């Protein structure tokens, strides 16, 4: 119980500090953590329940971050078939998640960027490092979207099994830069 009280006091302090720095949303998250800690205090196995309480919040936050990010968040297997796509990905590409899961990433890449994407995938695999680069995709409606992409390998049992990517739509920024150069 002492560990739970220390954790509870730390969360309460973090709550007050976060309220000053970030506003109301953090209070809601911290309140959920406090509730989890209080539940853990009432239990016999405090350590296990503390872990469960925070793990539940982390899982919730992970899902919220994935679904509500402004940038495209996606994964694809090492063959290039999409395995996940968030709401921003659906909105920007025009493809639903179900459609995307039936597609390879090469199907949405602008033809002149297929080789670059392949090179970046090879670089990630060989050097086991993340890569950041720009490319263009062709949205379902047929228009081009310029993306700044940050990708990394996903491992399972120390073996690469997928690629995780975050892609920001920089189309408007690119147009502005081109207009300023003219």
Protein backbone atom coordinates (compact mmCIF):
# COMPACT_ATOMS: atom_id res chain seq x y z
CA UNK A 1 0.00 0.00 0.00
CA UNK A 2 2.89 2.35 0.62
CA UNK A 3 3.96 2.08 -3.04
CA UNK A 4 0.40 2.87 -4.11
CA UNK A 5 0.30 5.94 -1.83
CA UNK A 6 3.59 7.20 -3.25
CA UNK A 7 2.30 6.63 -6.78
CA UNK A 8 -0.98 8.35 -5.90
CA UNK A 9 0.84 11.39 -4.52
CA UNK A 10 3.09 11.52 -7.59
CA UNK A 11 0.11 11.37 -9.93
CA UNK A 12 -1.75 14.04 -7.96
CA UNK A 13 1.28 16.33 -8.18
CA UNK A 14 1.62 15.59 -11.88
CA UNK A 15 -2.06 16.36 -12.29
CA UNK A 16 -1.70 19.82 -10.79
CA UNK A 17 1.44 20.55 -12.79
CA UNK A 18 -0.13 19.27 -16.01
CA UNK A 19 -3.22 21.42 -15.43
CA UNK A 20 -1.00 24.50 -15.37
CA UNK A 21 0.90 23.46 -18.50
CA UNK A 22 -1.61 21.74 -20.75
CA UNK A 23 -5.12 22.39 -19.56
CA UNK A 24 -8.16 20.29 -19.08
CA UNK A 25 -7.48 17.20 -21.22
CA UNK A 26 -4.58 16.14 -19.04
CA UNK A 27 -6.77 16.38 -15.93
CA UNK A 28 -9.13 13.79 -17.38
CA UNK A 29 -6.27 11.41 -18.14
CA UNK A 30 -4.68 11.90 -14.71
CA UNK A 31 -8.06 11.42 -13.02
CA UNK A 32 -8.36 8.01 -14.72
CA UNK A 33 -4.90 7.14 -13.43
CA UNK A 34 -5.82 8.19 -9.89
CA UNK A 35 -8.93 6.03 -10.02
CA UNK A 36 -6.76 3.11 -11.16
CA UNK A 37 -4.35 3.70 -8.28
CA UNK A 38 -7.18 3.87 -5.76
CA UNK A 39 -8.57 0.59 -7.06
CA UNK A 40 -5.12 -0.91 -6.70
CA UNK A 41 -4.88 0.28 -3.10
CA UNK A 42 -8.00 -1.67 -2.25
CA UNK A 43 -6.57 -4.89 -3.66
CA UNK A 44 -4.26 -7.46 -2.07
CA UNK A 45 -1.78 -7.46 -4.96
CA UNK A 46 -1.05 -3.74 -5.26
CA UNK A 47 1.91 -4.07 -7.62
CA UNK A 48 0.04 -6.11 -10.21
CA UNK A 49 -3.03 -3.88 -10.18
CA UNK A 50 -0.95 -0.71 -10.41
CA UNK A 51 0.64 -2.09 -13.54
CA UNK A 52 -2.79 -3.05 -14.91
CA UNK A 53 -4.27 0.37 -14.15
CA UNK A 54 -1.51 2.23 -15.95
CA UNK A 55 -1.37 -0.31 -18.79
CA UNK A 56 -5.10 0.18 -19.40
CA UNK A 57 -4.57 3.94 -19.62
CA UNK A 58 -1.59 3.52 -21.92
CA UNK A 59 -3.59 1.22 -24.20
CA UNK A 60 -6.41 3.76 -24.25
CA UNK A 61 -3.98 6.58 -25.02
CA UNK A 62 -2.28 4.57 -27.76
CA UNK A 63 -5.62 3.95 -29.46
CA UNK A 64 -6.61 7.61 -29.09
CA UNK A 65 -3.29 8.78 -30.51
CA UNK A 66 -3.52 6.35 -33.44
CA UNK A 67 -7.12 7.19 -34.32
CA UNK A 68 -7.09 10.94 -33.75
CA UNK A 69 -3.67 11.93 -35.05
CA UNK A 70 -3.68 14.59 -37.74
CA UNK A 71 -1.02 12.68 -39.63
CA UNK A 72 -1.42 9.36 -41.41
CA UNK A 73 -0.37 6.46 -39.19
CA UNK A 74 -0.10 3.09 -40.89
CA UNK A 75 1.63 -0.25 -40.91
CA UNK A 76 2.39 -2.66 -43.70
CA UNK A 77 4.01 -6.08 -43.75
CA UNK A 78 7.42 -6.62 -45.30
CA UNK A 79 5.75 -7.49 -48.62
CA UNK A 80 4.18 -4.02 -48.65
CA UNK A 81 0.56 -4.97 -47.88
CA UNK A 82 -1.17 -2.48 -45.57
CA UNK A 83 -2.12 -3.95 -42.21
CA UNK A 84 -3.49 -0.81 -40.55
CA UNK A 85 -4.52 2.75 -41.40
CA UNK A 86 -5.87 5.46 -39.12
CA UNK A 87 -8.69 7.96 -39.75
CA UNK A 88 -6.35 10.62 -41.12
CA UNK A 89 -5.07 8.02 -43.59
CA UNK A 90 -8.61 7.29 -44.72
CA UNK A 91 -9.39 11.01 -45.08
CA UNK A 92 -6.18 11.95 -46.93
CA UNK A 93 -5.95 8.93 -49.24
CA UNK A 94 -9.68 8.41 -49.77
CA UNK A 95 -9.29 4.68 -49.13
CA UNK A 96 -11.13 2.96 -46.30
CA UNK A 97 -9.21 0.70 -43.96
CA UNK A 98 -10.81 -2.33 -45.55
CA UNK A 99 -9.72 -1.19 -49.01
CA UNK A 100 -6.22 -0.39 -47.80
CA UNK A 101 -5.79 -3.84 -46.23
CA UNK A 102 -6.33 -5.33 -49.67
CA UNK A 103 -3.65 -3.11 -51.23
CA UNK A 104 0.09 -2.96 -51.40
CA UNK A 105 1.76 0.34 -50.71
CA UNK A 106 3.08 0.40 -54.27
CA UNK A 107 -0.53 0.73 -55.48
CA UNK A 108 -0.85 4.20 -53.96
CA UNK A 109 2.67 5.48 -54.61
CA UNK A 110 3.17 7.82 -57.53
CA UNK A 111 5.13 5.73 -60.07
CA UNK A 112 8.28 7.83 -59.85
CA UNK A 113 8.51 7.18 -56.08
CA UNK A 114 8.26 3.38 -56.09
CA UNK A 115 12.05 2.98 -56.36
CA UNK A 116 12.68 5.48 -53.55
CA UNK A 117 10.26 3.67 -51.24
CA UNK A 118 11.95 0.36 -52.06
CA UNK A 119 15.39 1.88 -51.33
CA UNK A 120 14.17 3.20 -47.98
CA UNK A 121 12.75 -0.20 -47.07
CA UNK A 122 16.05 -1.84 -47.95
CA UNK A 123 17.96 0.76 -45.94
CA UNK A 124 15.75 0.13 -42.89
CA UNK A 125 16.27 -3.61 -43.17
CA UNK A 126 20.03 -3.48 -43.74
CA UNK A 127 20.92 -0.73 -41.27
CA UNK A 128 18.06 -1.36 -38.80
CA UNK A 129 17.36 2.34 -38.64
CA UNK A 130 14.38 4.59 -39.22
CA UNK A 131 14.12 6.67 -42.37
CA UNK A 132 12.59 10.07 -43.14
CA UNK A 133 11.89 11.13 -46.70
CA UNK A 134 9.32 12.74 -48.99
CA UNK A 135 7.25 11.10 -51.66
CA UNK A 136 3.93 11.47 -53.43
CA UNK A 137 0.92 9.21 -53.44
CA UNK A 138 -2.06 9.11 -55.74
CA UNK A 139 -5.26 9.44 -53.70
CA UNK A 140 -8.33 7.41 -54.61
CA UNK A 141 -9.85 10.50 -56.26
CA UNK A 142 -6.78 10.73 -58.55
CA UNK A 143 -5.01 13.78 -57.12
CA UNK A 144 -1.45 13.75 -55.85
CA UNK A 145 -0.58 14.19 -52.20
CA UNK A 146 2.95 15.09 -51.13
CA UNK A 147 3.92 13.34 -47.90
CA UNK A 148 6.82 13.59 -45.52
CA UNK A 149 7.20 10.03 -44.25
CA UNK A 150 8.96 8.71 -41.16
CA UNK A 151 9.16 4.92 -41.06
CA UNK A 152 10.70 2.27 -38.86
CA UNK A 153 10.82 -1.49 -38.62
CA UNK A 154 8.50 -3.31 -36.22
CA UNK A 155 10.07 -6.34 -34.52
CA UNK A 156 8.62 -9.50 -33.06
CA UNK A 157 10.98 -11.89 -31.29
CA UNK A 158 13.89 -9.74 -32.51
CA UNK A 159 12.91 -10.28 -36.17
CA UNK A 160 11.55 -7.50 -38.42
CA UNK A 161 7.92 -8.26 -39.27
CA UNK A 162 6.45 -4.98 -40.47
CA UNK A 163 6.97 -1.31 -41.21
CA UNK A 164 5.30 1.41 -39.18
CA UNK A 165 4.94 4.81 -40.76
CA UNK A 166 3.77 8.29 -39.92
CA UNK A 167 3.14 10.51 -42.91
CA UNK A 168 2.39 14.23 -42.88
CA UNK A 169 0.59 15.88 -45.78
CA UNK A 170 2.98 18.63 -46.92
CA UNK A 171 1.22 19.37 -50.21
CA UNK A 172 0.24 22.93 -49.25
CA UNK A 173 3.68 23.65 -47.79
CA UNK A 174 5.30 22.44 -51.02
CA UNK A 175 3.02 24.66 -53.14
CA UNK A 176 3.82 27.67 -50.95
CA UNK A 177 7.56 27.05 -51.22
CA UNK A 178 7.30 26.70 -55.00
CA UNK A 179 5.29 29.93 -55.25
CA UNK A 180 7.91 31.80 -53.20
CA UNK A 181 10.70 30.55 -55.48
CA UNK A 182 8.97 31.92 -58.58
